[in-house]
Structure formats: C-alpha cells, structure tokens
Amino acid sequence: MAFYEKFLEANINFQDMGDFKMAILGGQQGALVQHSAYKPSYAGVMMYLNAHLPIVEQMALAEQLGGRILRPAALISEDFGYTGIIEDTEGNRIGIHSRQ
C-alpha cells in the first residue's frame, strides 16, 4: 500500500476486517481491498486513475516506487488528454489519465 500512498499523494486509512484488508483512500472515493481470493491479473478489469502530476512525471514516479511502465504516455486527443499504463508493485495493471 506504500506504493499507492506515495503514488496518489493520499493518506490511507488501513482497516483489518479479518479475511479482508482494506486501504481507504483519503481524499479519494474508493478503497483498495486485499483478500486471498483476489489475484493480480492482466485479464480482468483495468482501473484508470487520474494523475495529479503531468503524465510523464506520474509514470516516472510509478517506476521510482517499484512499478513498471507497460505502455508509455500517449496523447489520445486534445480534448481527452493523455493515457498510459503501469504495473503496480503487486502486479496489477493500472491505467493513468492526465490532461497534461
């Protein structure tokens, strides 16, 4: 969870709920949930997060924190902005979106 705390610049409230471990993202709407039945996968849904930095800097931060860049930042359109794909330290694919 340290990856996401630094990557999102968010305070994370950790909750131990027996079989479930939750990291509730402060200032964000959502939580990261860990359970023995949940496995990192490239085959499932890919979540996109909004970057709080220009996308190239946000993706470089992911690498500095131990993640990998899977698809470098690319302009989708002037109206939509940029996207890229990273792998977090747990092996999850995460899409990144930024207007910059």
N, C-alpha and C. Protein backbone atom coordinates (compact mmCIF):
# COMPACT_ATOMS: atom_id res chain seq x y z
N MET A 1 0.80 -1.19 0.00
CA MET A 1 0.00 0.00 0.00
C MET A 1 0.85 1.27 0.00
N ALA A 2 2.13 1.11 0.39
CA ALA A 2 3.02 2.27 0.38
C ALA A 2 3.14 2.84 -1.04
N PHE A 3 3.10 1.97 -2.06
CA PHE A 3 3.15 2.42 -3.45
C PHE A 3 2.02 3.42 -3.70
N TYR A 4 0.79 3.07 -3.36
CA TYR A 4 -0.35 3.93 -3.64
C TYR A 4 -0.37 5.18 -2.78
N GLU A 5 0.08 5.07 -1.55
CA GLU A 5 0.13 6.23 -0.67
C GLU A 5 1.01 7.32 -1.28
N LYS A 6 2.15 6.92 -1.81
CA LYS A 6 3.07 7.89 -2.43
C LYS A 6 2.64 8.24 -3.85
N PHE A 7 2.18 7.25 -4.60
CA PHE A 7 1.79 7.47 -5.99
C PHE A 7 0.61 8.42 -6.10
N LEU A 8 -0.37 8.30 -5.21
CA LEU A 8 -1.57 9.13 -5.23
C LEU A 8 -1.47 10.35 -4.33
N GLU A 9 -0.36 10.46 -3.56
CA GLU A 9 -0.22 11.51 -2.55
C GLU A 9 -1.47 11.57 -1.68
N ALA A 10 -1.86 10.40 -1.18
CA ALA A 10 -3.08 10.29 -0.39
C ALA A 10 -2.77 9.67 0.97
N ASN A 11 -3.47 10.14 1.98
CA ASN A 11 -3.42 9.47 3.27
C ASN A 11 -4.29 8.23 3.15
N ILE A 12 -3.79 7.12 3.63
CA ILE A 12 -4.53 5.87 3.54
C ILE A 12 -4.87 5.39 4.93
N ASN A 13 -6.14 5.09 5.14
CA ASN A 13 -6.63 4.56 6.40
C ASN A 13 -6.73 3.04 6.25
N PHE A 14 -5.91 2.30 6.99
CA PHE A 14 -5.88 0.84 6.89
C PHE A 14 -6.91 0.23 7.84
N GLN A 15 -7.67 -0.72 7.33
CA GLN A 15 -8.68 -1.42 8.11
C GLN A 15 -8.45 -2.93 7.97
N ASP A 16 -8.32 -3.62 9.07
CA ASP A 16 -8.19 -5.07 9.08
C ASP A 16 -9.56 -5.64 9.41
N MET A 17 -10.16 -6.30 8.43
CA MET A 17 -11.51 -6.83 8.61
C MET A 17 -11.48 -8.35 8.49
N GLY A 18 -10.56 -8.97 9.21
CA GLY A 18 -10.45 -10.43 9.16
C GLY A 18 -9.82 -10.88 7.86
N ASP A 19 -10.61 -11.54 7.02
CA ASP A 19 -10.11 -12.02 5.73
C ASP A 19 -9.82 -10.89 4.76
N PHE A 20 -10.41 -9.74 4.99
CA PHE A 20 -10.23 -8.60 4.10
C PHE A 20 -9.32 -7.57 4.76
N LYS A 21 -8.39 -7.06 3.99
CA LYS A 21 -7.54 -5.93 4.40
C LYS A 21 -7.92 -4.79 3.47
N MET A 22 -8.29 -3.67 4.04
CA MET A 22 -8.73 -2.53 3.23
C MET A 22 -7.83 -1.33 3.44
N ALA A 23 -7.59 -0.62 2.36
CA ALA A 23 -6.88 0.65 2.40
C ALA A 23 -7.82 1.69 1.83
N ILE A 24 -8.41 2.49 2.70
CA ILE A 24 -9.37 3.50 2.29
C ILE A 24 -8.60 4.75 1.92
N LEU A 25 -8.80 5.21 0.69
CA LEU A 25 -8.03 6.33 0.15
C LEU A 25 -8.60 7.64 0.64
N GLY A 26 -7.83 8.36 1.46
CA GLY A 26 -8.25 9.67 1.93
C GLY A 26 -8.26 10.67 0.80
N GLY A 27 -9.29 11.49 0.73
CA GLY A 27 -9.38 12.48 -0.33
C GLY A 27 -9.79 11.90 -1.66
N GLN A 28 -9.93 10.61 -1.74
CA GLN A 28 -10.34 9.91 -2.97
C GLN A 28 -11.63 9.18 -2.67
N GLN A 29 -12.32 8.77 -3.67
CA GLN A 29 -13.50 7.95 -3.47
C GLN A 29 -13.13 6.53 -3.82
N GLY A 30 -12.94 5.71 -2.82
CA GLY A 30 -12.64 4.31 -3.09
C GLY A 30 -11.71 3.72 -2.07
N ALA A 31 -11.41 2.46 -2.30
CA ALA A 31 -10.53 1.72 -1.41
C ALA A 31 -9.84 0.62 -2.20
N LEU A 32 -8.70 0.21 -1.71
CA LEU A 32 -8.00 -0.97 -2.23
C LEU A 32 -8.29 -2.10 -1.26
N VAL A 33 -8.64 -3.26 -1.78
CA VAL A 33 -9.03 -4.37 -0.93
C VAL A 33 -8.17 -5.58 -1.26
N GLN A 34 -7.66 -6.23 -0.22
CA GLN A 34 -6.85 -7.44 -0.38
C GLN A 34 -7.57 -8.61 0.28
N HIS A 35 -7.59 -9.73 -0.42
CA HIS A 35 -8.21 -10.95 0.07
C HIS A 35 -7.53 -12.11 -0.63
N SER A 36 -7.44 -13.24 0.02
CA SER A 36 -6.75 -14.39 -0.57
C SER A 36 -7.40 -14.85 -1.89
N ALA A 37 -8.67 -14.56 -2.10
CA ALA A 37 -9.35 -14.95 -3.34
C ALA A 37 -9.07 -13.98 -4.49
N TYR A 38 -8.53 -12.80 -4.18
CA TYR A 38 -8.25 -11.80 -5.21
C TYR A 38 -6.82 -11.95 -5.68
N LYS A 39 -6.62 -12.13 -6.97
CA LYS A 39 -5.29 -12.31 -7.54
C LYS A 39 -5.02 -11.20 -8.56
N PRO A 40 -3.81 -10.61 -8.52
CA PRO A 40 -3.45 -9.65 -9.57
C PRO A 40 -3.59 -10.32 -10.94
N SER A 41 -4.10 -9.56 -11.90
CA SER A 41 -4.38 -10.15 -13.19
C SER A 41 -4.31 -9.12 -14.30
N TYR A 42 -3.90 -9.57 -15.46
CA TYR A 42 -3.95 -8.74 -16.66
C TYR A 42 -5.24 -9.00 -17.42
N ALA A 43 -6.00 -10.00 -17.03
CA ALA A 43 -7.18 -10.42 -17.78
C ALA A 43 -8.46 -9.74 -17.33
N GLY A 44 -8.47 -9.13 -16.17
CA GLY A 44 -9.70 -8.55 -15.64
C GLY A 44 -9.86 -7.09 -16.01
N VAL A 45 -10.71 -6.43 -15.27
CA VAL A 45 -10.99 -5.01 -15.46
C VAL A 45 -9.73 -4.19 -15.19
N MET A 46 -9.52 -3.15 -15.99
CA MET A 46 -8.39 -2.26 -15.73
C MET A 46 -8.94 -0.93 -15.23
N MET A 47 -8.53 -0.55 -14.05
CA MET A 47 -8.94 0.70 -13.43
C MET A 47 -8.02 1.82 -13.94
N TYR A 48 -8.59 2.98 -14.20
CA TYR A 48 -7.82 4.17 -14.56
C TYR A 48 -7.86 5.14 -13.39
N LEU A 49 -6.72 5.72 -13.09
CA LEU A 49 -6.61 6.74 -12.04
C LEU A 49 -6.22 8.06 -12.69
N ASN A 50 -6.72 9.15 -12.14
CA ASN A 50 -6.32 10.47 -12.61
C ASN A 50 -4.97 10.83 -12.00
N ALA A 51 -4.07 11.30 -12.83
CA ALA A 51 -2.75 11.71 -12.37
C ALA A 51 -2.86 13.08 -11.70
N HIS A 52 -2.10 13.28 -10.63
CA HIS A 52 -2.04 14.60 -10.02
C HIS A 52 -0.81 15.37 -10.50
N LEU A 53 0.01 14.71 -11.30
CA LEU A 53 1.19 15.32 -11.94
C LEU A 53 1.01 15.20 -13.45
N PRO A 54 1.79 15.94 -14.25
CA PRO A 54 1.78 15.65 -15.68
C PRO A 54 2.08 14.16 -15.90
N ILE A 55 1.48 13.56 -16.89
CA ILE A 55 1.51 12.10 -17.01
C ILE A 55 2.92 11.51 -17.07
N VAL A 56 3.83 12.16 -17.76
CA VAL A 56 5.20 11.63 -17.85
C VAL A 56 5.83 11.58 -16.45
N GLU A 57 5.60 12.61 -15.65
CA GLU A 57 6.13 12.63 -14.28
C GLU A 57 5.44 11.59 -13.40
N GLN A 58 4.12 11.43 -13.58
CA GLN A 58 3.37 10.45 -12.78
C GLN A 58 3.86 9.03 -13.07
N MET A 59 4.12 8.74 -14.35
CA MET A 59 4.59 7.41 -14.72
C MET A 59 6.02 7.18 -14.25
N ALA A 60 6.84 8.22 -14.29
CA ALA A 60 8.21 8.11 -13.77
C ALA A 60 8.17 7.84 -12.26
N LEU A 61 7.23 8.46 -11.56
CA LEU A 61 7.06 8.22 -10.13
C LEU A 61 6.71 6.76 -9.87
N ALA A 62 5.85 6.19 -10.71
CA ALA A 62 5.50 4.77 -10.56
C ALA A 62 6.75 3.91 -10.63
N GLU A 63 7.64 4.19 -11.57
CA GLU A 63 8.89 3.43 -11.67
C GLU A 63 9.77 3.63 -10.45
N GLN A 64 9.88 4.86 -9.96
CA GLN A 64 10.69 5.14 -8.78
C GLN A 64 10.19 4.38 -7.57
N LEU A 65 8.88 4.13 -7.52
CA LEU A 65 8.27 3.43 -6.39
C LEU A 65 8.27 1.91 -6.57
N GLY A 66 8.86 1.41 -7.65
CA GLY A 66 8.96 -0.03 -7.86
C GLY A 66 8.01 -0.61 -8.88
N GLY A 67 7.18 0.24 -9.51
CA GLY A 67 6.28 -0.22 -10.56
C GLY A 67 6.99 -0.27 -11.90
N ARG A 68 6.23 -0.65 -12.93
CA ARG A 68 6.78 -0.71 -14.30
C ARG A 68 5.85 0.02 -15.25
N ILE A 69 6.44 0.62 -16.27
CA ILE A 69 5.64 1.22 -17.33
C ILE A 69 5.36 0.14 -18.36
N LEU A 70 4.08 -0.13 -18.60
CA LEU A 70 3.69 -1.13 -19.59
C LEU A 70 3.40 -0.51 -20.94
N ARG A 71 2.79 0.67 -20.94
CA ARG A 71 2.56 1.44 -22.17
C ARG A 71 2.86 2.89 -21.87
N PRO A 72 3.86 3.46 -22.54
CA PRO A 72 4.23 4.85 -22.27
C PRO A 72 3.06 5.80 -22.52
N ALA A 73 3.18 6.97 -21.95
CA ALA A 73 2.16 8.00 -22.12
C ALA A 73 1.98 8.33 -23.60
N ALA A 74 0.72 8.49 -23.99
CA ALA A 74 0.39 8.84 -25.37
C ALA A 74 -0.80 9.78 -25.38
N LEU A 75 -0.78 10.73 -26.30
CA LEU A 75 -1.90 11.65 -26.45
C LEU A 75 -3.06 10.90 -27.10
N ILE A 76 -4.21 10.92 -26.45
CA ILE A 76 -5.42 10.32 -27.01
C ILE A 76 -6.08 11.34 -27.93
N SER A 77 -6.31 12.55 -27.42
CA SER A 77 -6.81 13.67 -28.21
C SER A 77 -6.60 14.93 -27.40
N GLU A 78 -6.66 16.07 -28.07
CA GLU A 78 -6.52 17.34 -27.37
C GLU A 78 -7.63 17.51 -26.34
N ASP A 79 -8.82 17.02 -26.63
CA ASP A 79 -9.94 17.14 -25.71
C ASP A 79 -9.83 16.20 -24.52
N PHE A 80 -9.33 14.99 -24.76
CA PHE A 80 -9.30 13.96 -23.72
C PHE A 80 -8.01 13.98 -22.90
N GLY A 81 -6.89 14.24 -23.52
CA GLY A 81 -5.61 14.26 -22.82
C GLY A 81 -4.78 13.01 -23.09
N TYR A 82 -4.03 12.58 -22.09
CA TYR A 82 -3.05 11.51 -22.23
C TYR A 82 -3.41 10.30 -21.38
N THR A 83 -3.00 9.14 -21.83
CA THR A 83 -3.11 7.93 -21.02
C THR A 83 -1.83 7.13 -21.13
N GLY A 84 -1.62 6.31 -20.16
CA GLY A 84 -0.51 5.36 -20.15
C GLY A 84 -0.92 4.23 -19.23
N ILE A 85 -0.16 3.15 -19.25
CA ILE A 85 -0.48 2.01 -18.40
C ILE A 85 0.76 1.61 -17.61
N ILE A 86 0.56 1.39 -16.31
CA ILE A 86 1.65 0.94 -15.45
C ILE A 86 1.27 -0.41 -14.82
N GLU A 87 2.26 -1.03 -14.24
CA GLU A 87 2.03 -2.19 -13.38
C GLU A 87 2.48 -1.78 -11.98
N ASP A 88 1.62 -1.97 -10.99
CA ASP A 88 1.99 -1.61 -9.63
C ASP A 88 2.91 -2.67 -9.03
N THR A 89 3.28 -2.50 -7.79
CA THR A 89 4.23 -3.42 -7.15
C THR A 89 3.61 -4.77 -6.81
N GLU A 90 2.29 -4.89 -6.98
CA GLU A 90 1.60 -6.16 -6.70
C GLU A 90 1.29 -6.93 -7.98
N GLY A 91 1.59 -6.33 -9.14
CA GLY A 91 1.33 -6.99 -10.42
C GLY A 91 0.01 -6.63 -11.06
N ASN A 92 -0.63 -5.56 -10.60
CA ASN A 92 -1.89 -5.10 -11.19
C ASN A 92 -1.62 -4.09 -12.29
N ARG A 93 -2.36 -4.19 -13.39
CA ARG A 93 -2.31 -3.18 -14.45
C ARG A 93 -3.18 -2.00 -14.02
N ILE A 94 -2.65 -0.80 -14.15
CA ILE A 94 -3.39 0.41 -13.79
C ILE A 94 -3.23 1.42 -14.93
N GLY A 95 -4.36 1.91 -15.43
CA GLY A 95 -4.32 2.97 -16.42
C GLY A 95 -4.17 4.31 -15.73
N ILE A 96 -3.45 5.20 -16.35
CA ILE A 96 -3.25 6.55 -15.83
C ILE A 96 -3.79 7.54 -16.86
N HIS A 97 -4.53 8.52 -16.39
CA HIS A 97 -5.06 9.56 -17.28
C HIS A 97 -4.63 10.93 -16.77
N SER A 98 -4.28 11.81 -17.69
CA SER A 98 -3.92 13.18 -17.32
C SER A 98 -4.28 14.11 -18.46
N ARG A 99 -4.67 15.31 -18.11
CA ARG A 99 -4.91 16.34 -19.14
C ARG A 99 -3.59 16.92 -19.62
N GLN A 100 -2.50 16.68 -18.87
CA GLN A 100 -1.17 17.24 -19.20
C GLN A 100 -0.22 16.14 -19.60
